[in-house]
Amino acid sequence: MLKFKLLLAKSLYGSLKILNFKSIFQVAFYNLILATLINLPALGAERITFSFAPFGEFYLSADALELFAKEGKIDSDFAFYAKFATPQQLAVLRSFLQQHFPISPVMVSQFTYSPLGEEIIRQLGKLVETEGNQNGFYALRSALILAATDPQGMTVLDVLHRFPSDSLKLNLNQGITIAKNFSKRLKQQQAAVSEIKKQAAATSAVTIDFSQKPDLRQVGPLTWQKITLSLYDASRSRQFASDIYLPHTTTNKLIPLVVISHGAFSDRTTFAYLAQHLASYGFATAVLEHPGISRQRFQQYFAGLATPPETRESINQPLDVKYLLDELERRQKSDPRLSRLALHQVGVIGQSAGGYTALALAGATINFEQLNKACQNNRELWNFPLLVQCKTTELLPGSYSLQDKRIKAAIAVNPLTSSLLGQSGLSQIQEPVMMVASGNDFIAPADTEQIRPFTWLSTPDKYLVMMEQGTHLSTLGDIGNYNFGAISSTLMGPSSENARKYLSALSVAFMETYIANNDEYRPYLSTAYAKFLSQPPLNLDILQSLAIAK
C-alpha cells in the first residue's frame, strides 16, 4: 500500500508541479483540492475517497485531516501528503479553512437554485462526487445551504461537515484538467499582456513633459449640482432613476453629456466619483441605475424577495440609456436646468455589463449564431465568462435595435465580448472606442474579452488601456459596499485608488477629444501619458493598434 501511495502521490505532484502555482487560479484550485480533504464528523465518516486514473482509488484518514484543520497539527498519516505542499501553502489553506463568510441560507439557496448557480454547482460536482461516482450537485447544494445556517458565518469546514454522504469522493483527474485549463488561460493572458508592454515600449511618440500640462487626475475648475430624475418607461413597465451632475459654467454654450452605465450588483453611486470628476471639467454626466441588475435587486433576490435577474437585461440596459436620452430631450423643453445639454453628441462609459451596454449603444450587435455555437461546443469546465455570456442564448434570436445614433464615443471597462458580440458584432462600431482591460480579471479575462476583441474593432479611433495588475473590481468607487472578508484585497487588486485616478484622467481626455471636439487633449491619449501616469504595481499602458498571434 505504501508503494502504491508513493507512486500515486508522485504522479499527482508531478502533474501539479508543472503548473508552478503562480496564478490566483492555480492557488485557488490547490486550496480546493486540500480543502476537500477535511473530515465530515457530523456524518461519522472515517475516510475520504480519491479517484485518480490509472491508479484507481485511495484513502486518507479523516481523523488526521480533522486534526490538521482544527489544530494545525500534521500526524504521520497526513504528513506523507502534506510534504508535497510548501509551508506557505499549508498556512494559506488553514487560514482559508478558518475564514467565516457571513452568507445567509436564503442567499445561498437563491443562488444555487438560479440557472447560473445550478450550472456552476453542477460543474463543481464533476470534481466533488458522491458514492457511486455520481455528480455531487445535489449533495453540494444541500451542504452549502445547511452550512450557511451557522450564526458565525459559513466556513469551508461547515460545508464539508454537512456533505450528505458517508464518504466524499474527489475526482483528481477532473481537478487536474481544471487546473491545466486555468494554467493555459493564465499563460495566454500573460503572453498577451507581455506583448502589449513590448509594443507599447516600442511605440514612437513625441516627447511631452506632462508635468507642465494640466493634471487630469486632479479635480477640474468647475463646481456642479446634482439632480435626480425618476423615470418610467411604460412600454417596458420599467421604473428607474438617474443622477444628473450639471457643471456650473460661465458661458451659454451647449454642455456635452456623458452617460455612465454600471455593472451587476452596483448602482448609480458606484461611479459617482467619475461623474463628479467629469462634471468638474464641464461635462454634464448622467449616472443611471439599471433596476434589473442593481445592488438593491440582488439584495432583494438573495433575501428571497425578488426573482433572479432576467436574461433580457442584455437588451434592457441599452434601452434604459436610450429612454434616458429621450426623456432628457423631452424635459429640456420645460426644465431650464437641462436646456443646454448637447444631446446630439453623447459619450457613454460602462463597466462590466455596463461595458457591454456602452459597446451595444455605439453599434455592436449580438452575434447569436456564434454565441450558440460557442455555448453548444463548450467542453471546458468552469469557463465562467462563457457561462455568463451563454445566458443570452435564452433570448429569441433576432436583430435588436440597441444602437443609438446620439452616442458618438464609448469607453468599455472590463466588458464580456468574445462570444456575445464576437468579431462580426464589434466590427460594426464606427465611433471612437476605448477598451479598458485588467491583467488579473478572472470574471472578464483581458486576453479573451478585451485584448483580442480590441483587434476586431474596425473604427480607426480606438484605444486599448491595460492596467497590468488590475482586477474586475479595481475601478469601482463604492468599495465599502463590497465585503469579501479575507479575500477582499485579492479581488480588489492593488492600489484601486490609482485605478480610479487612471480612469478619471483618461475619461476626461477621451471625452474632451471626441465629444467636446477639443484636440488639445489628444496627446493625453498616448503611450507617453500612460507612462507618466503609471505607478507600480498598477502599471498602465495604452495602445492604438495591436498585433497578436492568432
Protein backbone atom coordinates (compact mmCIF):
# COMPACT_ATOMS: atom_id res chain seq x y z
CA MET A 1 0.00 0.00 0.00
CA LEU A 2 2.84 2.39 0.84
CA LYS A 3 4.44 1.75 -2.54
CA PHE A 4 1.09 2.45 -4.23
CA LYS A 5 0.72 5.70 -2.29
CA LEU A 6 4.23 6.78 -3.23
CA LEU A 7 3.61 6.14 -6.92
CA LEU A 8 0.23 7.88 -6.82
CA ALA A 9 1.45 10.91 -4.92
CA LYS A 10 4.48 11.27 -7.17
CA SER A 11 2.27 11.24 -10.26
CA LEU A 12 -0.22 13.73 -8.80
CA TYR A 13 2.54 16.03 -7.56
CA GLY A 14 4.24 15.89 -10.95
CA SER A 15 1.03 16.94 -12.67
CA LEU A 16 0.54 19.87 -10.31
CA LYS A 17 4.20 20.91 -10.27
CA ILE A 18 4.03 21.59 -13.99
CA LEU A 19 1.62 24.44 -13.17
CA ASN A 20 4.09 26.17 -10.76
CA PHE A 21 1.17 27.60 -8.72
CA LYS A 22 1.87 31.18 -9.76
CA SER A 23 -1.65 32.30 -10.52
CA ILE A 24 -4.64 33.08 -8.36
CA PHE A 25 -6.49 30.38 -10.32
CA GLN A 26 -3.92 27.71 -9.55
CA VAL A 27 -3.62 28.63 -5.89
CA ALA A 28 -7.40 28.58 -5.59
CA PHE A 29 -7.51 25.15 -7.20
CA TYR A 30 -4.74 23.87 -4.91
CA ASN A 31 -6.64 25.14 -1.88
CA LEU A 32 -9.80 23.47 -3.18
CA ILE A 33 -8.02 20.14 -3.51
CA LEU A 34 -6.63 20.32 0.03
CA ALA A 35 -9.81 21.79 1.46
CA THR A 36 -11.74 18.82 0.19
CA LEU A 37 -9.56 16.56 2.33
CA ILE A 38 -11.34 17.65 5.50
CA ASN A 39 -13.26 15.23 7.76
CA LEU A 40 -17.07 15.06 7.85
CA PRO A 41 -17.55 14.44 11.61
CA ALA A 42 -21.30 15.08 11.65
CA LEU A 43 -21.77 12.00 9.50
CA GLY A 44 -19.15 9.87 11.25
CA ALA A 45 -17.14 9.40 8.07
CA GLU A 46 -13.94 7.52 8.58
CA ARG A 47 -12.36 8.10 5.23
CA ILE A 48 -12.35 10.27 2.15
CA THR A 49 -12.05 8.54 -1.18
CA PHE A 50 -9.85 9.78 -4.00
CA SER A 51 -10.15 8.72 -7.60
CA PHE A 52 -7.09 9.15 -9.79
CA ALA A 53 -6.82 7.11 -13.01
CA PRO A 54 -4.99 4.94 -13.86
CA PHE A 55 -4.19 4.20 -10.21
CA GLY A 56 -7.77 3.66 -9.05
CA GLU A 57 -8.92 4.77 -5.61
CA PHE A 58 -7.06 5.53 -2.41
CA TYR A 59 -7.98 6.83 1.01
CA LEU A 60 -6.86 9.13 3.78
CA SER A 61 -7.70 9.08 7.46
CA ALA A 62 -10.39 11.58 8.32
CA ASP A 63 -9.05 11.89 11.86
CA ALA A 64 -5.67 13.02 10.57
CA LEU A 65 -7.25 15.67 8.36
CA GLU A 66 -9.52 16.90 11.16
CA LEU A 67 -6.52 17.31 13.42
CA PHE A 68 -4.77 19.45 10.81
CA ALA A 69 -7.85 21.61 10.17
CA LYS A 70 -8.64 22.26 13.83
CA GLU A 71 -5.22 22.39 15.47
CA GLY A 72 -2.74 22.78 12.64
CA LYS A 73 -1.06 19.52 13.58
CA ILE A 74 0.14 17.08 10.94
CA ASP A 75 0.28 13.46 12.04
CA SER A 76 2.17 10.67 10.30
CA ASP A 77 -0.72 9.75 8.03
CA PHE A 78 -1.30 13.25 6.68
CA ALA A 79 2.41 14.10 6.70
CA PHE A 80 3.01 11.88 3.69
CA TYR A 81 0.69 14.03 1.56
CA ALA A 82 1.37 17.38 3.21
CA LYS A 83 5.04 17.18 2.28
CA PHE A 84 4.11 17.85 -1.32
CA ALA A 85 2.91 21.33 -0.30
CA THR A 86 5.07 24.20 0.87
CA PRO A 87 4.66 25.51 4.44
CA GLN A 88 3.24 28.71 2.99
CA GLN A 89 0.59 26.83 1.01
CA LEU A 90 -0.42 24.84 4.09
CA ALA A 91 -0.64 28.06 6.13
CA VAL A 92 -2.82 29.66 3.47
CA LEU A 93 -5.03 26.58 3.44
CA ARG A 94 -5.52 26.57 7.20
CA SER A 95 -6.29 30.29 7.24
CA PHE A 96 -8.80 29.82 4.44
CA LEU A 97 -10.50 26.96 6.28
CA GLN A 98 -10.90 29.13 9.36
CA GLN A 99 -12.42 32.04 7.43
CA HIS A 100 -16.10 32.73 8.20
CA PHE A 101 -18.30 34.01 5.38
CA PRO A 102 -21.42 35.87 6.58
CA ILE A 103 -23.84 34.49 3.97
CA SER A 104 -27.46 33.67 4.81
CA PRO A 105 -29.02 30.30 3.89
CA VAL A 106 -31.67 32.17 1.88
CA MET A 107 -28.96 33.86 -0.17
CA VAL A 108 -27.19 30.56 -0.82
CA SER A 109 -30.47 28.86 -1.71
CA GLN A 110 -31.47 31.62 -4.12
CA PHE A 111 -28.12 31.49 -5.91
CA THR A 112 -27.76 27.71 -6.07
CA TYR A 113 -31.31 27.36 -7.42
CA SER A 114 -30.75 30.02 -10.10
CA PRO A 115 -29.88 28.80 -13.63
CA LEU A 116 -26.32 30.17 -13.48
CA GLY A 117 -25.80 28.92 -9.92
CA GLU A 118 -27.05 25.46 -10.82
CA GLU A 119 -24.63 25.27 -13.74
CA ILE A 120 -21.69 26.32 -11.57
CA ILE A 121 -22.55 23.76 -8.84
CA ARG A 122 -23.14 21.07 -11.46
CA GLN A 123 -19.68 21.65 -12.89
CA LEU A 124 -18.15 21.64 -9.41
CA GLY A 125 -19.97 18.34 -8.86
CA LYS A 126 -17.81 16.77 -11.55
CA LEU A 127 -14.87 17.30 -9.23
CA VAL A 128 -16.56 16.55 -5.90
CA GLU A 129 -18.58 13.34 -6.31
CA THR A 130 -20.75 11.20 -4.08
CA GLU A 131 -20.51 7.47 -3.64
CA GLY A 132 -21.05 5.54 -6.83
CA ASN A 133 -19.21 8.18 -8.88
CA GLN A 134 -22.31 10.38 -9.04
CA ASN A 135 -22.10 14.12 -9.72
CA GLY A 136 -22.05 15.89 -6.36
CA PHE A 137 -24.53 18.57 -7.48
CA TYR A 138 -27.38 17.84 -5.06
CA ALA A 139 -25.06 16.97 -2.17
CA LEU A 140 -23.06 20.17 -2.62
CA ARG A 141 -26.15 22.35 -2.89
CA SER A 142 -27.69 20.98 0.30
CA ALA A 143 -24.34 21.18 2.11
CA LEU A 144 -23.90 24.83 1.13
CA ILE A 145 -27.41 25.78 2.29
CA LEU A 146 -27.06 23.95 5.61
CA ALA A 147 -23.57 25.35 6.21
CA ALA A 148 -24.91 28.88 5.80
CA THR A 149 -27.09 28.41 8.90
CA ASP A 150 -24.01 28.82 11.11
CA PRO A 151 -24.68 32.09 13.00
CA GLN A 152 -20.95 32.90 12.99
CA GLY A 153 -20.75 32.59 9.21
CA MET A 154 -20.19 29.70 6.84
CA THR A 155 -16.78 28.04 6.63
CA VAL A 156 -15.40 25.50 4.20
CA LEU A 157 -15.38 23.01 7.04
CA ASP A 158 -19.09 23.65 7.64
CA VAL A 159 -19.80 22.77 4.01
CA LEU A 160 -17.80 19.57 4.22
CA HIS A 161 -19.29 18.58 7.57
CA ARG A 162 -22.75 18.73 6.03
CA PHE A 163 -21.97 16.85 2.85
CA PRO A 164 -24.84 14.28 2.89
CA SER A 165 -22.87 11.15 2.11
CA ASP A 166 -20.90 8.64 4.13
CA SER A 167 -17.87 9.41 2.01
CA LEU A 168 -16.79 12.24 -0.22
CA LYS A 169 -15.12 11.32 -3.47
CA LEU A 170 -12.67 13.69 -5.11
CA ASN A 171 -12.11 13.16 -8.83
CA LEU A 172 -8.49 14.24 -9.12
CA ASN A 173 -8.39 13.71 -12.88
CA GLN A 174 -11.11 16.33 -13.29
CA GLY A 175 -9.27 18.56 -10.85
CA ILE A 176 -6.02 18.34 -12.79
CA THR A 177 -7.91 19.12 -16.01
CA ILE A 178 -9.43 22.23 -14.43
CA ALA A 179 -6.03 23.35 -13.13
CA LYS A 180 -4.42 22.81 -16.52
CA ASN A 181 -7.16 24.84 -18.20
CA PHE A 182 -6.57 27.64 -15.71
CA SER A 183 -2.85 27.41 -16.37
CA LYS A 184 -3.38 27.57 -20.12
CA ARG A 185 -5.58 30.65 -19.79
CA LEU A 186 -3.05 32.27 -17.49
CA LYS A 187 -0.18 31.69 -19.91
CA GLN A 188 -2.22 33.10 -22.78
CA GLN A 189 -3.10 36.15 -20.74
CA GLN A 190 0.47 36.67 -19.58
CA ALA A 191 1.67 36.41 -23.16
CA ALA A 192 -0.91 38.94 -24.34
CA VAL A 193 -0.06 41.40 -21.56
CA SER A 194 3.66 40.98 -22.27
CA GLU A 195 3.05 41.69 -25.95
CA ILE A 196 1.16 44.87 -25.05
CA LYS A 197 4.06 46.02 -22.88
CA LYS A 198 6.53 45.17 -25.63
CA GLN A 199 4.62 47.03 -28.33
CA ALA A 200 3.93 49.97 -26.01
CA ALA A 201 7.65 50.27 -25.25
CA ALA A 202 8.43 50.25 -28.97
CA THR A 203 5.77 52.84 -29.82
CA SER A 204 7.35 56.06 -31.01
CA ALA A 205 5.75 59.17 -29.58
CA VAL A 206 6.56 62.83 -29.37
CA THR A 207 8.14 63.54 -26.02
CA ILE A 208 5.81 65.68 -23.94
CA ASP A 209 6.50 66.97 -20.46
CA PHE A 210 3.13 66.17 -18.91
CA SER A 211 4.29 67.57 -15.58
CA GLN A 212 3.95 71.01 -17.21
CA LYS A 213 0.44 70.32 -18.52
CA PRO A 214 -2.86 70.22 -16.60
CA ASP A 215 -3.03 67.13 -14.36
CA LEU A 216 -6.23 65.39 -15.41
CA ARG A 217 -6.15 63.23 -12.30
CA GLN A 218 -6.98 66.30 -10.24
CA VAL A 219 -10.46 67.77 -9.88
CA GLY A 220 -11.26 70.30 -12.60
CA PRO A 221 -12.02 74.00 -12.07
CA LEU A 222 -15.83 73.85 -12.13
CA THR A 223 -18.37 73.19 -9.41
CA TRP A 224 -21.57 71.25 -10.12
CA GLN A 225 -25.02 70.42 -8.85
CA LYS A 226 -26.77 67.06 -8.71
CA ILE A 227 -30.39 66.46 -9.60
CA THR A 228 -32.15 63.11 -9.54
CA LEU A 229 -34.70 62.10 -12.17
CA SER A 230 -37.31 59.41 -11.61
CA LEU A 231 -38.08 57.70 -14.91
CA TYR A 232 -40.79 55.30 -16.03
CA ASP A 233 -40.76 53.57 -19.41
CA ALA A 234 -44.37 52.50 -19.87
CA SER A 235 -43.54 50.38 -22.94
CA ARG A 236 -41.43 48.09 -20.75
CA SER A 237 -43.17 48.73 -17.37
CA ARG A 238 -39.75 49.74 -16.10
CA GLN A 239 -39.03 52.33 -13.43
CA PHE A 240 -35.54 53.59 -12.67
CA ALA A 241 -33.63 56.65 -11.50
CA SER A 242 -30.75 58.68 -12.86
CA ASP A 243 -28.49 61.19 -11.11
CA ILE A 244 -27.54 64.12 -13.32
CA TYR A 245 -24.40 66.09 -12.47
CA LEU A 246 -24.59 69.55 -14.05
CA PRO A 247 -21.48 71.77 -14.18
CA HIS A 248 -21.74 75.44 -13.30
CA THR A 249 -20.43 77.07 -16.46
CA THR A 250 -19.97 80.79 -17.21
CA THR A 251 -20.92 80.64 -20.89
CA ASN A 252 -24.11 79.97 -22.81
CA LYS A 253 -22.55 77.21 -24.88
CA LEU A 254 -24.11 73.76 -25.09
CA ILE A 255 -22.91 71.37 -22.41
CA PRO A 256 -21.61 67.98 -23.62
CA LEU A 257 -23.21 64.93 -21.98
CA VAL A 258 -21.68 61.64 -20.82
CA VAL A 259 -23.82 58.70 -19.64
CA ILE A 260 -22.38 56.13 -17.22
CA SER A 261 -23.71 52.54 -17.07
CA HIS A 262 -22.86 50.31 -14.11
CA GLY A 263 -22.39 46.54 -13.92
CA ALA A 264 -24.13 43.82 -11.91
CA PHE A 265 -24.54 44.33 -8.15
CA SER A 266 -23.76 48.03 -8.49
CA ASP A 267 -25.87 51.17 -8.68
CA ARG A 268 -25.71 54.83 -9.61
CA THR A 269 -23.39 55.57 -6.68
CA THR A 270 -20.69 53.18 -7.91
CA PHE A 271 -19.25 55.63 -10.42
CA ALA A 272 -20.38 58.84 -8.75
CA TYR A 273 -16.70 59.73 -8.35
CA LEU A 274 -16.23 59.56 -12.13
CA ALA A 275 -19.40 61.56 -12.81
CA GLN A 276 -18.28 64.29 -10.41
CA HIS A 277 -14.80 64.35 -11.93
CA LEU A 278 -16.17 64.78 -15.46
CA ALA A 279 -18.60 67.45 -14.26
CA SER A 280 -15.69 69.44 -12.82
CA TYR A 281 -14.28 69.57 -16.37
CA GLY A 282 -17.52 70.85 -17.89
CA PHE A 283 -19.37 67.66 -18.82
CA ALA A 284 -22.95 67.03 -17.77
CA THR A 285 -22.94 63.45 -16.53
CA ALA A 286 -25.92 61.12 -16.20
CA VAL A 287 -25.44 58.05 -13.98
CA LEU A 288 -28.47 55.83 -14.30
CA GLU A 289 -29.43 52.78 -12.28
CA HIS A 290 -30.38 49.61 -14.15
CA PRO A 291 -33.14 48.12 -11.96
CA GLY A 292 -32.68 44.58 -13.25
CA ILE A 293 -29.03 44.22 -12.14
CA SER A 294 -28.74 46.84 -9.39
CA ARG A 295 -27.33 46.16 -5.94
CA GLN A 296 -30.84 46.56 -4.49
CA ARG A 297 -32.26 43.99 -6.91
CA PHE A 298 -29.57 41.44 -6.00
CA GLN A 299 -30.05 42.10 -2.29
CA GLN A 300 -33.79 41.52 -2.67
CA TYR A 301 -33.16 38.39 -4.70
CA PHE A 302 -30.71 36.93 -2.19
CA ALA A 303 -33.21 37.72 0.57
CA GLY A 304 -35.89 35.75 -1.28
CA LEU A 305 -37.89 38.87 -2.15
CA ALA A 306 -37.32 39.00 -5.90
CA THR A 307 -36.81 36.77 -8.91
CA PRO A 308 -33.31 36.29 -10.37
CA PRO A 309 -32.04 38.84 -12.91
CA GLU A 310 -33.61 38.19 -16.28
CA THR A 311 -31.77 37.28 -19.46
CA ARG A 312 -33.45 40.20 -21.17
CA GLU A 313 -31.25 42.59 -19.16
CA SER A 314 -28.74 42.48 -22.02
CA ILE A 315 -31.46 44.19 -24.07
CA ASN A 316 -32.97 46.33 -21.32
CA GLN A 317 -29.74 48.03 -20.27
CA PRO A 318 -29.09 49.76 -23.61
CA LEU A 319 -32.80 50.58 -23.80
CA ASP A 320 -32.54 52.26 -20.38
CA VAL A 321 -29.92 54.63 -21.79
CA LYS A 322 -31.96 55.31 -24.91
CA TYR A 323 -35.03 56.08 -22.84
CA LEU A 324 -33.00 58.39 -20.57
CA LEU A 325 -31.79 60.37 -23.60
CA ASP A 326 -35.34 60.56 -24.96
CA GLU A 327 -36.58 61.87 -21.61
CA LEU A 328 -33.81 64.46 -21.39
CA GLU A 329 -34.80 65.70 -24.84
CA ARG A 330 -38.42 65.94 -23.74
CA ARG A 331 -37.70 67.57 -20.37
CA GLN A 332 -35.17 70.12 -21.58
CA LYS A 333 -38.03 71.97 -23.29
CA SER A 334 -39.58 72.73 -19.89
CA ASP A 335 -36.68 72.42 -17.43
CA PRO A 336 -34.16 75.27 -17.78
CA ARG A 337 -31.54 73.22 -15.91
CA LEU A 338 -31.46 70.77 -18.82
CA SER A 339 -31.96 73.21 -21.66
CA ARG A 340 -28.29 73.47 -22.67
CA LEU A 341 -27.49 69.76 -22.80
CA ALA A 342 -25.93 68.78 -26.15
CA LEU A 343 -27.97 65.63 -26.76
CA HIS A 344 -26.90 65.20 -30.36
CA GLN A 345 -23.36 64.14 -29.42
CA VAL A 346 -23.21 61.99 -26.31
CA GLY A 347 -20.46 59.90 -24.77
CA VAL A 348 -21.04 56.68 -22.83
CA ILE A 349 -18.90 54.89 -20.24
CA GLY A 350 -19.71 51.45 -18.86
CA GLN A 351 -18.09 48.81 -16.66
CA SER A 352 -18.62 45.03 -16.89
CA ALA A 353 -22.26 44.60 -18.02
CA GLY A 354 -22.22 48.36 -18.46
CA GLY A 355 -19.21 47.96 -20.74
CA TYR A 356 -21.26 45.70 -22.98
CA THR A 357 -24.05 48.30 -22.84
CA ALA A 358 -21.67 51.03 -23.99
CA LEU A 359 -20.48 48.94 -26.94
CA ALA A 360 -24.04 47.99 -27.93
CA LEU A 361 -25.12 51.63 -27.90
CA ALA A 362 -22.10 52.52 -30.06
CA GLY A 363 -23.19 49.98 -32.69
CA ALA A 364 -22.03 46.48 -31.66
CA THR A 365 -24.55 43.73 -32.36
CA ILE A 366 -25.23 40.42 -30.60
CA ASN A 367 -23.90 37.53 -32.68
CA PHE A 368 -26.47 34.84 -31.87
CA GLU A 369 -25.06 32.33 -34.38
CA GLN A 370 -21.55 32.46 -32.92
CA LEU A 371 -22.84 32.59 -29.35
CA ASN A 372 -24.99 29.48 -29.79
CA LYS A 373 -22.10 27.65 -31.43
CA ALA A 374 -19.66 28.56 -28.66
CA CYS A 375 -22.11 27.52 -25.94
CA GLN A 376 -23.04 24.23 -27.59
CA ASN A 377 -19.40 23.31 -28.19
CA ASN A 378 -18.13 24.29 -24.75
CA ARG A 379 -16.46 21.28 -23.11
CA GLU A 380 -14.29 23.23 -20.70
CA LEU A 381 -15.13 23.06 -17.01
CA TRP A 382 -15.52 26.33 -15.12
CA ASN A 383 -15.33 28.69 -18.06
CA PHE A 384 -17.22 31.34 -16.08
CA PRO A 385 -17.00 34.15 -18.70
CA LEU A 386 -18.63 31.92 -21.30
CA LEU A 387 -21.28 30.67 -18.85
CA VAL A 388 -22.37 34.26 -18.24
CA GLN A 389 -22.49 35.09 -21.95
CA CYS A 390 -24.39 31.89 -22.73
CA LYS A 391 -27.37 33.12 -20.70
CA THR A 392 -28.17 35.41 -23.64
CA THR A 393 -28.95 32.34 -25.79
CA GLU A 394 -32.26 32.18 -23.91
CA LEU A 395 -33.37 35.24 -25.88
CA LEU A 396 -35.12 34.77 -29.18
CA PRO A 397 -32.53 35.31 -31.93
CA GLY A 398 -33.16 38.44 -33.87
CA SER A 399 -31.98 41.89 -34.76
CA TYR A 400 -32.38 44.04 -31.65
CA SER A 401 -32.19 47.78 -32.24
CA LEU A 402 -29.75 48.78 -29.49
CA GLN A 403 -27.55 51.32 -31.24
CA ASP A 404 -28.26 54.98 -30.53
CA LYS A 405 -27.03 57.44 -33.15
CA ARG A 406 -26.65 60.10 -30.46
CA ILE A 407 -23.76 58.10 -28.99
CA LYS A 408 -20.55 59.39 -30.56
CA ALA A 409 -17.88 57.80 -28.33
CA ALA A 410 -17.71 54.88 -25.91
CA ILE A 411 -15.45 53.65 -23.10
CA ALA A 412 -15.94 49.99 -22.17
CA VAL A 413 -14.28 48.86 -18.93
CA ASN A 414 -13.89 45.08 -18.39
CA PRO A 415 -16.71 44.06 -20.77
CA LEU A 416 -17.60 40.49 -21.77
CA THR A 417 -17.48 40.45 -25.56
CA SER A 418 -15.80 37.36 -27.06
CA SER A 419 -18.86 35.24 -27.81
CA LEU A 420 -21.72 37.62 -27.04
CA LEU A 421 -20.60 40.16 -29.65
CA GLY A 422 -17.72 38.46 -31.42
CA GLN A 423 -15.75 39.86 -34.30
CA SER A 424 -18.78 40.41 -36.54
CA GLY A 425 -20.61 42.31 -33.79
CA LEU A 426 -17.72 44.52 -32.68
CA SER A 427 -16.67 45.36 -36.23
CA GLN A 428 -19.99 47.18 -36.68
CA ILE A 429 -18.86 50.01 -34.41
CA GLN A 430 -17.77 53.11 -36.31
CA GLU A 431 -17.48 55.51 -33.36
CA PRO A 432 -14.34 56.05 -31.25
CA VAL A 433 -13.86 53.34 -28.61
CA MET A 434 -11.61 52.93 -25.59
CA MET A 435 -11.38 49.38 -24.24
CA VAL A 436 -10.06 49.07 -20.67
CA ALA A 437 -8.63 45.72 -19.54
CA SER A 438 -7.26 44.43 -16.22
CA GLY A 439 -4.48 41.86 -16.13
CA ASN A 440 -5.88 39.97 -13.11
CA ASP A 441 -9.53 39.96 -14.11
CA PHE A 442 -10.89 36.39 -13.87
CA ILE A 443 -14.52 37.46 -14.41
CA ALA A 444 -13.87 39.06 -17.80
CA PRO A 445 -10.31 37.91 -18.61
CA ALA A 446 -8.34 40.52 -20.52
CA ASP A 447 -6.96 38.21 -23.21
CA THR A 448 -10.26 36.76 -24.44
CA GLU A 449 -12.66 39.57 -23.55
CA GLN A 450 -10.80 42.81 -24.32
CA ILE A 451 -7.35 42.33 -25.88
CA ARG A 452 -8.28 40.09 -28.80
CA PRO A 453 -11.69 41.78 -29.26
CA PHE A 454 -9.86 45.12 -29.48
CA THR A 455 -8.20 43.87 -32.68
CA TRP A 456 -11.67 43.20 -34.13
CA LEU A 457 -12.70 46.85 -33.91
CA SER A 458 -12.76 48.48 -37.33
CA THR A 459 -13.05 52.07 -36.14
CA PRO A 460 -9.78 53.96 -36.72
CA ASP A 461 -10.17 55.82 -33.40
CA LYS A 462 -9.64 53.01 -30.91
CA TYR A 463 -7.56 52.69 -27.76
CA LEU A 464 -6.62 49.72 -25.60
CA VAL A 465 -5.84 50.54 -21.97
CA MET A 466 -4.15 47.86 -19.84
CA MET A 467 -3.99 48.00 -16.05
CA GLU A 468 -1.48 45.21 -15.60
CA GLN A 469 -2.27 44.19 -12.01
CA GLY A 470 -5.87 45.41 -12.04
CA THR A 471 -8.92 43.23 -11.35
CA HIS A 472 -12.57 43.32 -12.38
CA LEU A 473 -13.36 45.50 -9.38
CA SER A 474 -10.39 47.88 -9.44
CA THR A 475 -12.26 50.91 -10.80
CA LEU A 476 -15.33 50.62 -8.57
CA GLY A 477 -15.80 53.66 -6.37
CA ASP A 478 -18.02 52.32 -3.59
CA ILE A 479 -15.62 49.64 -2.38
CA GLY A 480 -17.03 49.89 1.14
CA ASN A 481 -20.13 48.10 -0.13
CA TYR A 482 -18.10 45.08 -1.24
CA ASN A 483 -17.02 42.99 1.76
CA PHE A 484 -15.35 39.75 0.71
CA GLY A 485 -13.61 39.09 4.02
CA ALA A 486 -10.05 37.81 3.85
CA ILE A 487 -10.02 37.75 0.04
CA SER A 488 -11.16 41.38 -0.41
CA SER A 489 -7.66 42.63 -1.18
CA THR A 490 -7.19 39.92 -3.81
CA LEU A 491 -10.48 40.72 -5.54
CA MET A 492 -9.99 44.48 -5.43
CA GLY A 493 -6.35 44.29 -6.54
CA PRO A 494 -3.53 46.66 -5.63
CA SER A 495 -4.00 50.42 -5.46
CA SER A 496 -7.63 50.73 -6.50
CA GLU A 497 -7.30 54.46 -5.78
CA ASN A 498 -4.80 54.73 -8.65
CA ALA A 499 -7.12 52.69 -10.88
CA ARG A 500 -9.88 55.24 -10.30
CA LYS A 501 -7.47 58.10 -11.00
CA TYR A 502 -6.35 56.44 -14.25
CA LEU A 503 -9.95 56.01 -15.40
CA SER A 504 -10.88 59.56 -14.39
CA ALA A 505 -7.96 61.15 -16.23
CA LEU A 506 -8.36 59.06 -19.39
CA SER A 507 -12.14 59.61 -19.44
CA VAL A 508 -11.61 63.39 -19.41
CA ALA A 509 -9.04 63.15 -22.21
CA PHE A 510 -11.18 60.82 -24.34
CA MET A 511 -14.43 62.77 -23.93
CA GLU A 512 -12.71 66.13 -24.43
CA THR A 513 -11.23 64.81 -27.67
CA TYR A 514 -14.26 63.07 -29.15
CA ILE A 515 -17.33 64.65 -27.51
CA ALA A 516 -16.18 68.22 -26.82
CA ASN A 517 -14.04 68.18 -30.03
CA ASN A 518 -11.07 69.63 -28.19
CA ASP A 519 -7.88 68.41 -29.87
CA GLU A 520 -5.72 69.89 -27.13
CA TYR A 521 -6.46 66.75 -25.12
CA ARG A 522 -5.49 64.23 -27.80
CA PRO A 523 -1.84 63.99 -26.60
CA TYR A 524 -3.15 62.54 -23.34
CA LEU A 525 -4.42 59.51 -25.27
CA SER A 526 -0.91 58.20 -25.77
CA THR A 527 1.66 55.71 -24.58
CA ALA A 528 3.69 58.63 -23.26
CA TYR A 529 0.86 59.75 -20.99
CA ALA A 530 0.29 56.19 -19.79
CA LYS A 531 3.94 56.04 -18.76
CA PHE A 532 3.56 59.37 -16.97
CA LEU A 533 0.51 58.14 -15.05
CA SER A 534 1.76 54.62 -14.37
CA GLN A 535 2.63 53.80 -10.77
CA PRO A 536 3.75 50.31 -9.74
CA PRO A 537 2.33 47.84 -9.01
CA LEU A 538 -0.65 49.04 -11.06
CA ASN A 539 1.30 49.59 -14.28
CA LEU A 540 -0.54 51.26 -17.13
CA ASP A 541 -0.18 51.02 -20.92
CA ILE A 542 -2.12 52.48 -23.86
CA LEU A 543 -2.04 51.34 -27.48
CA GLN A 544 -3.94 52.38 -30.59
CA SER A 545 -3.08 49.24 -32.52
CA LEU A 546 -2.04 45.74 -31.57
CA ALA A 547 -0.65 42.80 -33.49
CA ILE A 548 -1.12 39.48 -31.69
CA ALA A 549 -0.77 35.85 -32.73
CA LYS A 550 -3.95 34.01 -33.60
